[in-house]
N, C-alpha and C. Protein backbone atom coordinates (compact mmCIF):
# COMPACT_ATOMS: atom_id res chain seq x y z
N MET A 1 27.98 7.80 -17.91
CA MET A 1 27.85 6.46 -17.35
C MET A 1 29.06 5.63 -17.77
N ALA A 2 29.58 4.84 -16.85
CA ALA A 2 30.79 4.05 -17.09
C ALA A 2 30.63 3.09 -18.25
N ALA A 3 29.45 2.48 -18.40
CA ALA A 3 29.24 1.50 -19.46
C ALA A 3 29.38 2.13 -20.84
N ALA A 4 28.89 3.35 -21.02
CA ALA A 4 28.99 4.01 -22.32
C ALA A 4 30.45 4.34 -22.62
N LEU A 5 31.19 4.81 -21.63
CA LEU A 5 32.59 5.12 -21.84
C LEU A 5 33.39 3.87 -22.19
N CYS A 6 33.02 2.78 -21.60
CA CYS A 6 33.72 1.51 -21.81
C CYS A 6 33.77 1.13 -23.28
N LYS A 7 32.66 1.14 -23.95
CA LYS A 7 32.60 0.71 -25.34
C LYS A 7 33.39 1.66 -26.25
N GLU A 8 33.35 2.94 -25.96
CA GLU A 8 34.08 3.91 -26.77
C GLU A 8 35.59 3.77 -26.63
N ASP A 9 36.04 3.31 -25.48
CA ASP A 9 37.48 3.25 -25.21
C ASP A 9 38.14 1.95 -25.66
N ILE A 10 37.39 1.03 -26.18
CA ILE A 10 37.94 -0.26 -26.58
C ILE A 10 38.79 -0.09 -27.83
N THR A 11 40.02 -0.58 -27.76
CA THR A 11 40.93 -0.45 -28.89
C THR A 11 41.14 -1.77 -29.61
N GLU A 12 40.77 -2.87 -29.00
CA GLU A 12 40.96 -4.19 -29.60
C GLU A 12 39.84 -4.48 -30.60
N HIS A 13 40.16 -5.26 -31.62
CA HIS A 13 39.17 -5.63 -32.62
C HIS A 13 38.64 -7.05 -32.40
N ASP A 14 39.45 -7.91 -31.81
CA ASP A 14 39.06 -9.28 -31.53
C ASP A 14 38.18 -9.31 -30.28
N SER A 15 37.05 -10.01 -30.35
CA SER A 15 36.10 -10.00 -29.23
C SER A 15 36.69 -10.58 -27.95
N LYS A 16 37.57 -11.57 -28.05
CA LYS A 16 38.20 -12.13 -26.85
C LYS A 16 39.11 -11.10 -26.20
N GLU A 17 39.85 -10.37 -27.03
CA GLU A 17 40.73 -9.33 -26.50
C GLU A 17 39.93 -8.15 -25.95
N GLN A 18 38.78 -7.86 -26.57
CA GLN A 18 37.91 -6.80 -26.04
C GLN A 18 37.44 -7.15 -24.64
N PHE A 19 37.00 -8.40 -24.46
CA PHE A 19 36.55 -8.85 -23.15
C PHE A 19 37.67 -8.71 -22.12
N GLN A 20 38.86 -9.17 -22.48
CA GLN A 20 40.01 -9.09 -21.58
C GLN A 20 40.32 -7.63 -21.23
N GLN A 21 40.29 -6.76 -22.23
CA GLN A 21 40.60 -5.34 -22.02
C GLN A 21 39.59 -4.69 -21.08
N VAL A 22 38.32 -4.96 -21.30
CA VAL A 22 37.28 -4.37 -20.45
C VAL A 22 37.43 -4.87 -19.01
N CYS A 23 37.66 -6.15 -18.84
CA CYS A 23 37.85 -6.69 -17.48
C CYS A 23 39.07 -6.08 -16.81
N ARG A 24 40.19 -6.00 -17.53
CA ARG A 24 41.39 -5.40 -16.95
C ARG A 24 41.14 -3.95 -16.54
N ARG A 25 40.41 -3.23 -17.37
CA ARG A 25 40.16 -1.82 -17.06
C ARG A 25 39.34 -1.66 -15.79
N PHE A 26 38.25 -2.39 -15.68
CA PHE A 26 37.33 -2.16 -14.56
C PHE A 26 37.69 -2.94 -13.30
N PHE A 27 38.48 -3.98 -13.42
CA PHE A 27 38.88 -4.74 -12.23
C PHE A 27 40.34 -4.49 -11.86
N SER A 28 40.96 -3.47 -12.43
CA SER A 28 42.36 -3.16 -12.13
C SER A 28 42.57 -2.85 -10.66
N PHE A 29 41.53 -2.38 -9.97
CA PHE A 29 41.65 -2.07 -8.54
C PHE A 29 42.05 -3.30 -7.73
N LEU A 30 41.74 -4.49 -8.24
CA LEU A 30 42.11 -5.71 -7.52
C LEU A 30 43.63 -5.83 -7.41
N GLU A 31 44.33 -5.55 -8.49
CA GLU A 31 45.78 -5.63 -8.47
C GLU A 31 46.40 -4.41 -7.80
N GLU A 32 45.81 -3.26 -8.05
CA GLU A 32 46.38 -2.02 -7.55
C GLU A 32 46.16 -1.81 -6.05
N GLN A 33 45.02 -2.26 -5.53
CA GLN A 33 44.67 -1.93 -4.15
C GLN A 33 44.35 -3.12 -3.25
N CYS A 34 44.19 -4.30 -3.81
CA CYS A 34 43.71 -5.43 -3.00
C CYS A 34 44.64 -6.64 -3.01
N ASP A 35 45.85 -6.50 -3.52
CA ASP A 35 46.83 -7.59 -3.49
C ASP A 35 46.40 -8.84 -4.26
N PHE A 36 45.63 -8.66 -5.32
CA PHE A 36 45.26 -9.78 -6.20
C PHE A 36 46.23 -9.80 -7.38
N GLN A 37 46.36 -10.96 -7.97
CA GLN A 37 47.10 -11.10 -9.22
C GLN A 37 46.18 -11.75 -10.24
N ARG A 38 46.37 -11.34 -11.50
CA ARG A 38 45.58 -11.93 -12.58
C ARG A 38 46.29 -13.18 -13.07
N ASP A 39 45.54 -14.26 -13.21
CA ASP A 39 46.10 -15.51 -13.72
C ASP A 39 46.35 -15.40 -15.21
N PRO A 40 47.40 -16.05 -15.68
CA PRO A 40 47.57 -16.15 -17.14
C PRO A 40 46.49 -17.05 -17.70
N PRO A 41 46.16 -16.92 -18.98
CA PRO A 41 45.15 -17.79 -19.58
C PRO A 41 45.53 -19.27 -19.42
N ARG A 42 44.52 -20.11 -19.18
CA ARG A 42 44.74 -21.55 -18.98
C ARG A 42 43.77 -22.32 -19.88
N LEU A 43 43.83 -22.05 -21.15
CA LEU A 43 42.83 -22.60 -22.08
C LEU A 43 43.00 -24.08 -22.37
N HIS A 44 44.10 -24.67 -21.97
CA HIS A 44 44.31 -26.08 -22.30
C HIS A 44 44.03 -27.00 -21.12
N GLU A 45 43.45 -26.45 -20.06
CA GLU A 45 43.08 -27.26 -18.90
C GLU A 45 41.59 -27.51 -18.93
N PRO A 46 41.15 -28.64 -18.38
CA PRO A 46 39.70 -28.90 -18.31
C PRO A 46 38.97 -27.77 -17.58
N GLY A 47 37.85 -27.34 -18.15
CA GLY A 47 37.05 -26.29 -17.55
C GLY A 47 37.45 -24.89 -17.96
N PHE A 48 38.54 -24.75 -18.68
CA PHE A 48 39.02 -23.43 -19.06
C PHE A 48 38.96 -23.21 -20.57
N GLN A 49 38.08 -23.91 -21.26
CA GLN A 49 38.01 -23.79 -22.70
C GLN A 49 37.45 -22.43 -23.14
N ASN A 50 36.75 -21.74 -22.27
CA ASN A 50 36.16 -20.46 -22.62
C ASN A 50 37.25 -19.38 -22.63
N PRO A 51 37.56 -18.79 -23.79
CA PRO A 51 38.57 -17.74 -23.82
C PRO A 51 38.08 -16.42 -23.23
N TYR A 52 36.78 -16.36 -22.93
CA TYR A 52 36.20 -15.15 -22.34
C TYR A 52 36.16 -15.33 -20.82
N ILE A 53 37.35 -15.45 -20.23
CA ILE A 53 37.42 -15.66 -18.80
C ILE A 53 38.65 -14.94 -18.26
N VAL A 54 38.48 -14.29 -17.12
CA VAL A 54 39.56 -13.61 -16.43
C VAL A 54 39.50 -14.06 -14.98
N ILE A 55 40.65 -14.45 -14.44
CA ILE A 55 40.69 -14.93 -13.06
C ILE A 55 41.72 -14.12 -12.28
N TYR A 56 41.27 -13.64 -11.13
CA TYR A 56 42.15 -12.94 -10.19
C TYR A 56 42.19 -13.77 -8.92
N ARG A 57 43.33 -13.76 -8.24
CA ARG A 57 43.41 -14.48 -6.97
C ARG A 57 44.38 -13.78 -6.02
N ASN A 58 44.11 -13.97 -4.74
CA ASN A 58 45.07 -13.61 -3.71
C ASN A 58 45.19 -14.81 -2.79
N ARG A 59 45.72 -14.65 -1.62
CA ARG A 59 45.94 -15.80 -0.74
C ARG A 59 44.65 -16.42 -0.21
N SER A 60 43.54 -15.69 -0.25
CA SER A 60 42.32 -16.26 0.34
C SER A 60 41.11 -16.29 -0.59
N LEU A 61 41.17 -15.66 -1.75
CA LEU A 61 40.01 -15.58 -2.63
C LEU A 61 40.39 -15.78 -4.10
N ILE A 62 39.44 -16.28 -4.85
CA ILE A 62 39.54 -16.37 -6.30
C ILE A 62 38.32 -15.66 -6.88
N LEU A 63 38.56 -14.73 -7.80
CA LEU A 63 37.47 -14.05 -8.50
C LEU A 63 37.51 -14.50 -9.94
N VAL A 64 36.38 -15.00 -10.44
CA VAL A 64 36.27 -15.45 -11.82
C VAL A 64 35.25 -14.56 -12.52
N ILE A 65 35.66 -13.96 -13.63
CA ILE A 65 34.77 -13.17 -14.47
C ILE A 65 34.72 -13.88 -15.81
N GLU A 66 33.53 -14.27 -16.22
CA GLU A 66 33.39 -15.08 -17.42
C GLU A 66 32.31 -14.51 -18.32
N GLY A 67 32.64 -14.36 -19.59
CA GLY A 67 31.67 -13.93 -20.58
C GLY A 67 30.87 -15.12 -21.08
N LEU A 68 29.55 -14.97 -21.12
CA LEU A 68 28.66 -16.05 -21.55
C LEU A 68 27.71 -15.55 -22.64
N SER A 69 27.11 -16.46 -23.32
CA SER A 69 26.02 -16.18 -24.28
C SER A 69 26.39 -15.15 -25.33
N TYR A 70 27.57 -15.31 -25.91
CA TYR A 70 28.01 -14.44 -27.00
C TYR A 70 27.94 -12.96 -26.64
N GLY A 71 28.33 -12.63 -25.43
CA GLY A 71 28.38 -11.24 -24.98
C GLY A 71 27.15 -10.76 -24.26
N ALA A 72 26.14 -11.60 -24.14
CA ALA A 72 24.88 -11.17 -23.51
C ALA A 72 24.92 -11.22 -21.98
N ARG A 73 25.76 -12.09 -21.42
CA ARG A 73 25.78 -12.23 -19.96
C ARG A 73 27.21 -12.31 -19.44
N THR A 74 27.35 -11.96 -18.17
CA THR A 74 28.63 -12.04 -17.49
C THR A 74 28.42 -12.79 -16.18
N ARG A 75 29.30 -13.74 -15.92
CA ARG A 75 29.27 -14.45 -14.64
C ARG A 75 30.45 -13.94 -13.82
N MET A 76 30.19 -13.51 -12.59
CA MET A 76 31.25 -13.08 -11.68
C MET A 76 31.07 -13.84 -10.38
N CYS A 77 32.06 -14.63 -10.04
CA CYS A 77 31.98 -15.46 -8.83
C CYS A 77 33.20 -15.24 -7.96
N LEU A 78 32.96 -15.18 -6.68
CA LEU A 78 34.01 -15.07 -5.69
C LEU A 78 34.04 -16.37 -4.91
N ILE A 79 35.21 -17.01 -4.86
CA ILE A 79 35.36 -18.32 -4.24
C ILE A 79 36.35 -18.19 -3.08
N ASP A 80 35.98 -18.75 -1.93
CA ASP A 80 36.89 -18.68 -0.78
C ASP A 80 37.92 -19.81 -0.83
N ARG A 81 38.84 -19.79 0.10
CA ARG A 81 39.93 -20.77 0.10
C ARG A 81 39.47 -22.19 0.32
N ASP A 82 38.24 -22.36 0.85
CA ASP A 82 37.68 -23.70 1.04
C ASP A 82 36.93 -24.20 -0.19
N GLY A 83 36.93 -23.39 -1.25
CA GLY A 83 36.27 -23.80 -2.49
C GLY A 83 34.77 -23.54 -2.50
N GLN A 84 34.31 -22.61 -1.68
CA GLN A 84 32.88 -22.30 -1.60
C GLN A 84 32.60 -20.95 -2.27
N LEU A 85 31.49 -20.89 -3.01
CA LEU A 85 31.06 -19.62 -3.60
C LEU A 85 30.59 -18.69 -2.49
N LEU A 86 30.93 -17.43 -2.62
CA LEU A 86 30.46 -16.43 -1.67
C LEU A 86 29.28 -15.68 -2.29
N ASP A 87 28.32 -15.34 -1.48
CA ASP A 87 27.08 -14.71 -1.94
C ASP A 87 27.28 -13.20 -2.10
N ILE A 88 27.85 -12.82 -3.22
CA ILE A 88 28.09 -11.41 -3.50
C ILE A 88 26.76 -10.67 -3.64
N ALA A 89 25.79 -11.30 -4.30
CA ALA A 89 24.48 -10.64 -4.50
C ALA A 89 23.82 -10.34 -3.16
N GLY A 90 23.87 -11.27 -2.22
CA GLY A 90 23.29 -11.03 -0.90
C GLY A 90 23.98 -9.90 -0.18
N LEU A 91 25.29 -9.82 -0.31
CA LEU A 91 26.07 -8.75 0.32
C LEU A 91 25.70 -7.39 -0.28
N VAL A 92 25.66 -7.32 -1.62
CA VAL A 92 25.31 -6.06 -2.29
C VAL A 92 23.86 -5.68 -1.96
N LYS A 93 22.98 -6.66 -1.88
CA LYS A 93 21.58 -6.38 -1.54
C LYS A 93 21.46 -5.72 -0.17
N ARG A 94 22.25 -6.18 0.79
CA ARG A 94 22.22 -5.58 2.13
C ARG A 94 22.87 -4.20 2.17
N ARG A 95 23.93 -4.02 1.41
CA ARG A 95 24.72 -2.80 1.51
C ARG A 95 24.32 -1.70 0.52
N ASN A 96 23.79 -2.10 -0.64
CA ASN A 96 23.38 -1.11 -1.64
C ASN A 96 22.34 -1.73 -2.57
N PRO A 97 21.09 -1.85 -2.10
CA PRO A 97 20.05 -2.51 -2.90
C PRO A 97 19.83 -1.87 -4.27
N LYS A 98 19.99 -0.56 -4.36
CA LYS A 98 19.81 0.12 -5.65
C LYS A 98 20.86 -0.36 -6.65
N LEU A 99 22.09 -0.52 -6.21
CA LEU A 99 23.14 -0.98 -7.10
C LEU A 99 22.88 -2.42 -7.55
N LEU A 100 22.40 -3.26 -6.65
CA LEU A 100 22.06 -4.63 -7.04
C LEU A 100 20.96 -4.62 -8.10
N TYR A 101 19.98 -3.76 -7.93
CA TYR A 101 18.90 -3.63 -8.91
C TYR A 101 19.47 -3.21 -10.27
N LEU A 102 20.37 -2.24 -10.29
CA LEU A 102 20.99 -1.81 -11.54
C LEU A 102 21.79 -2.94 -12.19
N CYS A 103 22.48 -3.72 -11.37
CA CYS A 103 23.22 -4.88 -11.89
C CYS A 103 22.28 -5.89 -12.54
N SER A 104 21.13 -6.09 -11.91
CA SER A 104 20.18 -7.07 -12.45
C SER A 104 19.56 -6.59 -13.76
N LEU A 105 19.50 -5.29 -13.97
CA LEU A 105 18.93 -4.74 -15.21
C LEU A 105 19.95 -4.60 -16.33
N ALA A 106 21.24 -4.63 -15.99
CA ALA A 106 22.29 -4.41 -16.99
C ALA A 106 22.17 -5.42 -18.12
N SER A 107 22.31 -4.92 -19.33
CA SER A 107 22.15 -5.74 -20.52
C SER A 107 23.48 -5.84 -21.25
N GLY A 108 24.01 -7.03 -21.34
CA GLY A 108 25.25 -7.25 -22.08
C GLY A 108 26.49 -6.92 -21.26
N GLN A 109 27.60 -7.46 -21.70
CA GLN A 109 28.84 -7.34 -20.95
C GLN A 109 29.34 -5.91 -20.81
N TYR A 110 29.11 -5.06 -21.80
CA TYR A 110 29.61 -3.68 -21.72
C TYR A 110 28.89 -2.88 -20.63
N GLU A 111 27.71 -3.29 -20.24
CA GLU A 111 27.03 -2.67 -19.10
C GLU A 111 27.30 -3.45 -17.82
N GLN A 112 27.32 -4.77 -17.92
CA GLN A 112 27.46 -5.60 -16.72
C GLN A 112 28.84 -5.48 -16.08
N ILE A 113 29.89 -5.58 -16.84
CA ILE A 113 31.24 -5.61 -16.26
C ILE A 113 31.54 -4.36 -15.43
N PRO A 114 31.29 -3.15 -15.92
CA PRO A 114 31.56 -1.97 -15.07
C PRO A 114 30.70 -1.95 -13.81
N LEU A 115 29.43 -2.32 -13.93
CA LEU A 115 28.56 -2.32 -12.75
C LEU A 115 28.95 -3.41 -11.76
N TYR A 116 29.32 -4.57 -12.26
CA TYR A 116 29.75 -5.66 -11.37
C TYR A 116 31.02 -5.26 -10.62
N ALA A 117 31.95 -4.61 -11.32
CA ALA A 117 33.17 -4.15 -10.66
C ALA A 117 32.84 -3.10 -9.60
N GLU A 118 31.93 -2.19 -9.93
CA GLU A 118 31.51 -1.17 -8.97
C GLU A 118 30.85 -1.80 -7.74
N ALA A 119 30.03 -2.81 -7.96
CA ALA A 119 29.38 -3.49 -6.84
C ALA A 119 30.41 -4.20 -5.97
N LEU A 120 31.37 -4.84 -6.60
CA LEU A 120 32.39 -5.56 -5.84
C LEU A 120 33.24 -4.59 -5.02
N TRP A 121 33.70 -3.53 -5.64
CA TRP A 121 34.55 -2.57 -4.94
C TRP A 121 33.74 -1.77 -3.90
N GLY A 122 32.55 -1.35 -4.27
CA GLY A 122 31.75 -0.50 -3.39
C GLY A 122 31.12 -1.23 -2.22
N CYS A 123 30.86 -2.51 -2.37
CA CYS A 123 30.14 -3.24 -1.33
C CYS A 123 30.96 -4.36 -0.68
N ALA A 124 32.07 -4.73 -1.27
CA ALA A 124 32.80 -5.89 -0.74
C ALA A 124 34.29 -5.62 -0.56
N ALA A 125 34.68 -4.35 -0.39
CA ALA A 125 36.10 -4.05 -0.21
C ALA A 125 36.66 -4.77 1.01
N ASP A 126 35.87 -4.86 2.08
CA ASP A 126 36.33 -5.57 3.29
C ASP A 126 36.54 -7.06 3.00
N VAL A 127 35.65 -7.63 2.21
CA VAL A 127 35.75 -9.04 1.83
C VAL A 127 37.01 -9.26 0.99
N LEU A 128 37.25 -8.37 0.04
CA LEU A 128 38.43 -8.48 -0.81
C LEU A 128 39.72 -8.39 -0.01
N ASP A 129 39.66 -7.68 1.11
CA ASP A 129 40.82 -7.58 2.00
C ASP A 129 40.93 -8.75 2.96
N GLY A 130 40.04 -9.73 2.85
CA GLY A 130 40.15 -10.94 3.65
C GLY A 130 39.19 -11.04 4.82
N ASP A 131 38.39 -10.01 5.07
CA ASP A 131 37.42 -10.05 6.16
C ASP A 131 36.11 -10.64 5.63
N LEU A 132 35.91 -11.92 5.83
CA LEU A 132 34.76 -12.61 5.26
C LEU A 132 33.55 -12.65 6.20
N LYS A 133 33.59 -11.94 7.32
CA LYS A 133 32.48 -11.96 8.28
C LYS A 133 31.18 -11.40 7.69
N GLY A 134 31.28 -10.46 6.76
CA GLY A 134 30.09 -9.83 6.22
C GLY A 134 29.43 -10.55 5.06
N VAL A 135 30.03 -11.63 4.60
CA VAL A 135 29.49 -12.33 3.44
C VAL A 135 29.23 -13.79 3.79
N SER A 136 28.13 -14.29 3.30
CA SER A 136 27.82 -15.71 3.54
C SER A 136 28.18 -16.53 2.31
N ARG A 137 28.21 -17.82 2.52
CA ARG A 137 28.47 -18.74 1.41
C ARG A 137 27.16 -19.07 0.72
N CYS A 138 27.26 -19.34 -0.57
CA CYS A 138 26.10 -19.83 -1.33
C CYS A 138 26.00 -21.32 -1.02
N GLU A 139 25.03 -21.69 -0.25
CA GLU A 139 24.91 -23.09 0.18
C GLU A 139 24.23 -23.96 -0.87
N ALA A 140 23.44 -23.34 -1.74
CA ALA A 140 22.71 -24.11 -2.76
C ALA A 140 22.43 -23.21 -3.96
N PHE A 141 22.08 -23.83 -5.05
CA PHE A 141 21.69 -23.09 -6.25
C PHE A 141 20.47 -22.23 -5.94
N ASN A 142 20.52 -20.98 -6.38
CA ASN A 142 19.42 -20.05 -6.15
C ASN A 142 19.05 -19.42 -7.50
N PRO A 143 17.81 -19.56 -7.95
CA PRO A 143 17.44 -19.03 -9.25
C PRO A 143 17.25 -17.51 -9.29
N GLU A 144 17.31 -16.82 -8.13
CA GLU A 144 17.19 -15.36 -8.12
C GLU A 144 18.43 -14.74 -8.78
N PHE A 145 18.40 -13.42 -8.97
CA PHE A 145 19.56 -12.76 -9.57
C PHE A 145 20.79 -13.02 -8.72
N SER A 146 21.84 -13.37 -9.41
CA SER A 146 23.13 -13.57 -8.79
C SER A 146 24.18 -13.17 -9.80
N PHE A 147 25.32 -12.74 -9.30
CA PHE A 147 26.41 -12.42 -10.21
C PHE A 147 26.94 -13.70 -10.86
N GLY A 148 26.73 -14.82 -10.19
CA GLY A 148 27.10 -16.12 -10.75
C GLY A 148 25.90 -16.71 -11.46
N VAL A 149 25.84 -16.54 -12.77
CA VAL A 149 24.70 -17.00 -13.55
C VAL A 149 24.84 -18.50 -13.79
N PHE A 150 24.03 -19.29 -13.10
CA PHE A 150 24.07 -20.74 -13.26
C PHE A 150 22.70 -21.21 -13.73
N SER A 151 22.70 -22.19 -14.61
CA SER A 151 21.42 -22.71 -15.11
C SER A 151 20.79 -23.67 -14.11
N ASP A 152 21.62 -24.35 -13.32
CA ASP A 152 21.10 -25.28 -12.32
C ASP A 152 22.23 -25.65 -11.36
N ALA A 153 21.93 -26.51 -10.40
CA ALA A 153 22.93 -26.91 -9.40
C ALA A 153 24.10 -27.67 -10.03
N ASP A 154 23.85 -28.45 -11.07
CA ASP A 154 24.93 -29.19 -11.72
C ASP A 154 25.92 -28.22 -12.38
N ASP A 155 25.40 -27.16 -13.00
CA ASP A 155 26.24 -26.14 -13.61
C ASP A 155 27.12 -25.48 -12.55
N MET A 156 26.53 -25.16 -11.40
CA MET A 156 27.28 -24.56 -10.30
C MET A 156 28.36 -25.51 -9.79
N ASP A 157 28.03 -26.76 -9.63
CA ASP A 157 29.00 -27.75 -9.15
C ASP A 157 30.16 -27.91 -10.14
N TYR A 158 29.86 -27.94 -11.43
CA TYR A 158 30.90 -28.07 -12.44
C TYR A 158 31.82 -26.84 -12.42
N PHE A 159 31.23 -25.65 -12.29
CA PHE A 159 32.01 -24.42 -12.22
C PHE A 159 33.00 -24.49 -11.05
N LEU A 160 32.52 -24.90 -9.88
CA LEU A 160 33.39 -25.00 -8.72
C LEU A 160 34.47 -26.07 -8.91
N LYS A 161 34.11 -27.16 -9.54
CA LYS A 161 35.08 -28.22 -9.81
C LYS A 161 36.22 -27.67 -10.66
N CYS A 162 35.91 -26.80 -11.60
CA CYS A 162 36.91 -26.24 -12.50
C CYS A 162 37.74 -25.14 -11.85
N HIS A 163 37.13 -24.32 -11.01
CA HIS A 163 37.78 -23.09 -10.57
C HIS A 163 38.17 -23.02 -9.10
N ALA A 164 37.57 -23.82 -8.26
CA ALA A 164 37.88 -23.75 -6.83
C ALA A 164 39.25 -24.37 -6.56
N PRO A 165 39.92 -23.92 -5.52
CA PRO A 165 41.21 -24.53 -5.18
C PRO A 165 41.02 -25.98 -4.75
N ARG A 166 41.97 -26.79 -5.08
CA ARG A 166 41.92 -28.19 -4.70
C ARG A 166 42.70 -28.38 -3.40
N PRO A 167 42.23 -29.25 -2.52
CA PRO A 167 42.96 -29.48 -1.25
C PRO A 167 44.40 -29.87 -1.52
N GLY A 168 45.28 -29.21 -0.79
CA GLY A 168 46.70 -29.52 -0.92
C GLY A 168 47.39 -28.86 -2.10
N SER A 169 46.65 -28.13 -2.92
CA SER A 169 47.27 -27.49 -4.08
C SER A 169 47.83 -26.13 -3.69
N ALA A 170 48.65 -25.60 -4.55
CA ALA A 170 49.23 -24.29 -4.31
C ALA A 170 48.44 -23.20 -5.02
N LEU A 171 47.18 -23.48 -5.36
CA LEU A 171 46.39 -22.52 -6.13
C LEU A 171 46.17 -21.19 -5.42
N MET A 172 46.14 -21.20 -4.10
CA MET A 172 45.88 -19.95 -3.40
C MET A 172 47.16 -19.14 -3.20
N GLN A 173 48.29 -19.69 -3.54
CA GLN A 173 49.53 -18.95 -3.37
C GLN A 173 49.67 -17.94 -4.48
N VAL A 174 50.10 -16.76 -4.11
CA VAL A 174 50.28 -15.68 -5.08
C VAL A 174 51.75 -15.41 -5.24
């Protein structure tokens, strides 16, 4: 199982570096095959105080992977160029319900990150290539399982305020 291999292969001792290493390992396909680039850390900007965060972007999408709850949870959100969250869970549910179920059962980041990457690559490759016809936007806070773990609508709004592209900005440029 990928999650078991992940923990054995970690060479970093610092937990922040471990998180970064695991994300780079399992989401490397974004840079290698999908024309995404990884953002440098932005810890001194509002909303980016969490050092357990990795952001990838291309011309039309932003992917945010964030470690939460001292390693217990992972938030993975895909944001379109209009600053709207995309419903990755709904897409995975339609295309591979068993994989979505496994993602919902995953415990801790060492299990979640590999499964989330597998779900993204296995079920949303067309979306990552810019074809957004198969995925809907998250129109409101939904308490069901989602890759974007939000406590409420205010949490979701704050997340988007921090990470979504701003009108007129060059954030979507790679």
